[in-house]
Amino acid sequence: MVHLFLALVLVLILFVAIALNKAFNQLPIKELKTRARAGHQPEKKLYRVSAYGASLHGLLLSVIILSAAGSFTLLTAKSASWLVFALLAI
């Protein structure tokens, strides 16, 4: 039961990291900077984080890879590997 709970937490982390990666790559950094200077509050916060550039991208990719691998490993311990692969591929 603990394996299943940890695997679901890792899958949740995986989806959050994917959503963050898409959100930070949605607008170019120059556009975010322009909107942040204009006083838009969400863009100010996004620009602060997006300014890290490649470091942010590398961190999010490592979180995505490690959480996918961890959840796959924990789920395969209790079920068939082809079923887990199919669930994670969706």
Protein backbone atom coordinates (compact mmCIF):
# COMPACT_ATOMS: atom_id res chain seq x y z
CA MET A 1 0.00 0.00 0.00
CA VAL A 2 2.89 2.36 0.78
CA HIS A 3 4.41 1.64 -2.64
CA LEU A 4 1.20 2.63 -4.36
CA PHE A 5 0.91 5.86 -2.36
CA LEU A 6 4.51 6.86 -3.09
CA ALA A 7 4.07 6.02 -6.76
CA LEU A 8 0.96 8.20 -6.97
CA VAL A 9 2.80 11.06 -5.26
CA LEU A 10 5.61 10.73 -7.80
CA VAL A 11 3.11 10.73 -10.67
CA LEU A 12 1.56 13.89 -9.24
CA ILE A 13 5.01 15.52 -9.03
CA LEU A 14 5.62 14.42 -12.62
CA PHE A 15 2.45 16.12 -13.87
CA VAL A 16 3.18 19.31 -11.92
CA ALA A 17 6.72 19.48 -13.31
CA ILE A 18 5.43 18.98 -16.86
CA ALA A 19 2.85 21.73 -16.37
CA LEU A 20 5.49 24.10 -14.97
CA ASN A 21 7.82 23.34 -17.86
CA LYS A 22 5.07 24.16 -20.36
CA ALA A 23 4.09 27.32 -18.48
CA PHE A 24 7.62 28.70 -18.38
CA ASN A 25 8.18 27.99 -22.07
CA GLN A 26 4.88 29.50 -23.20
CA LEU A 27 6.09 33.09 -23.67
CA PRO A 28 9.54 34.24 -24.79
CA ILE A 29 11.68 35.80 -22.06
CA LYS A 30 11.68 39.20 -23.83
CA GLU A 31 7.88 39.30 -23.84
CA LEU A 32 7.77 38.38 -20.15
CA LYS A 33 10.28 41.12 -19.39
CA THR A 34 8.22 43.69 -21.28
CA ARG A 35 5.02 42.70 -19.49
CA ALA A 36 6.79 42.62 -16.13
CA ARG A 37 8.04 46.18 -16.64
CA ALA A 38 4.50 47.23 -17.55
CA GLY A 39 3.40 46.16 -14.08
CA HIS A 40 1.54 42.90 -14.70
CA GLN A 41 1.84 40.93 -11.46
CA PRO A 42 1.75 37.32 -12.81
CA GLU A 43 4.35 38.19 -15.44
CA LYS A 44 6.64 39.67 -12.79
CA LYS A 45 6.66 36.39 -10.91
CA LEU A 46 7.05 34.33 -14.08
CA TYR A 47 9.91 36.53 -15.28
CA ARG A 48 11.82 36.14 -12.02
CA VAL A 49 11.74 32.38 -12.33
CA SER A 50 12.16 32.25 -16.12
CA ALA A 51 15.29 34.37 -15.87
CA TYR A 52 17.14 31.27 -14.66
CA GLY A 53 16.83 29.90 -18.20
CA ALA A 54 18.80 26.72 -18.80
CA SER A 55 19.18 26.00 -15.08
CA LEU A 56 15.41 26.00 -14.63
CA HIS A 57 14.93 23.85 -17.70
CA GLY A 58 17.55 21.36 -16.49
CA LEU A 59 16.03 21.20 -13.01
CA LEU A 60 12.52 20.59 -14.33
CA LEU A 61 13.75 17.95 -16.77
CA SER A 62 15.63 16.13 -14.02
CA VAL A 63 12.53 16.21 -11.79
CA ILE A 64 10.43 14.87 -14.68
CA ILE A 65 12.87 12.05 -15.46
CA LEU A 66 13.45 11.02 -11.84
CA SER A 67 9.78 11.09 -10.88
CA ALA A 68 8.79 9.09 -13.99
CA ALA A 69 11.50 6.52 -13.29
CA GLY A 70 10.62 6.31 -9.60
CA SER A 71 6.91 5.91 -10.19
CA PHE A 72 7.52 3.30 -12.89
CA THR A 73 9.80 1.35 -10.55
CA LEU A 74 7.38 1.48 -7.63
CA LEU A 75 4.39 0.54 -9.75
CA THR A 76 6.12 -2.38 -11.47
CA ALA A 77 6.93 -3.90 -8.10
CA LYS A 78 3.23 -4.59 -7.59
CA SER A 79 1.83 -5.02 -11.11
CA ALA A 80 2.70 -6.05 -14.65
CA SER A 81 5.30 -3.85 -16.30
CA TRP A 82 3.40 -3.55 -19.59
CA LEU A 83 0.36 -2.19 -17.71
CA VAL A 84 2.44 0.40 -15.88
CA PHE A 85 4.16 1.45 -19.09
CA ALA A 86 0.78 1.89 -20.76
CA LEU A 87 -0.50 4.00 -17.86
CA LEU A 88 2.54 6.25 -17.84
CA ALA A 89 2.53 6.60 -21.62
CA ILE A 90 -0.94 8.13 -21.48
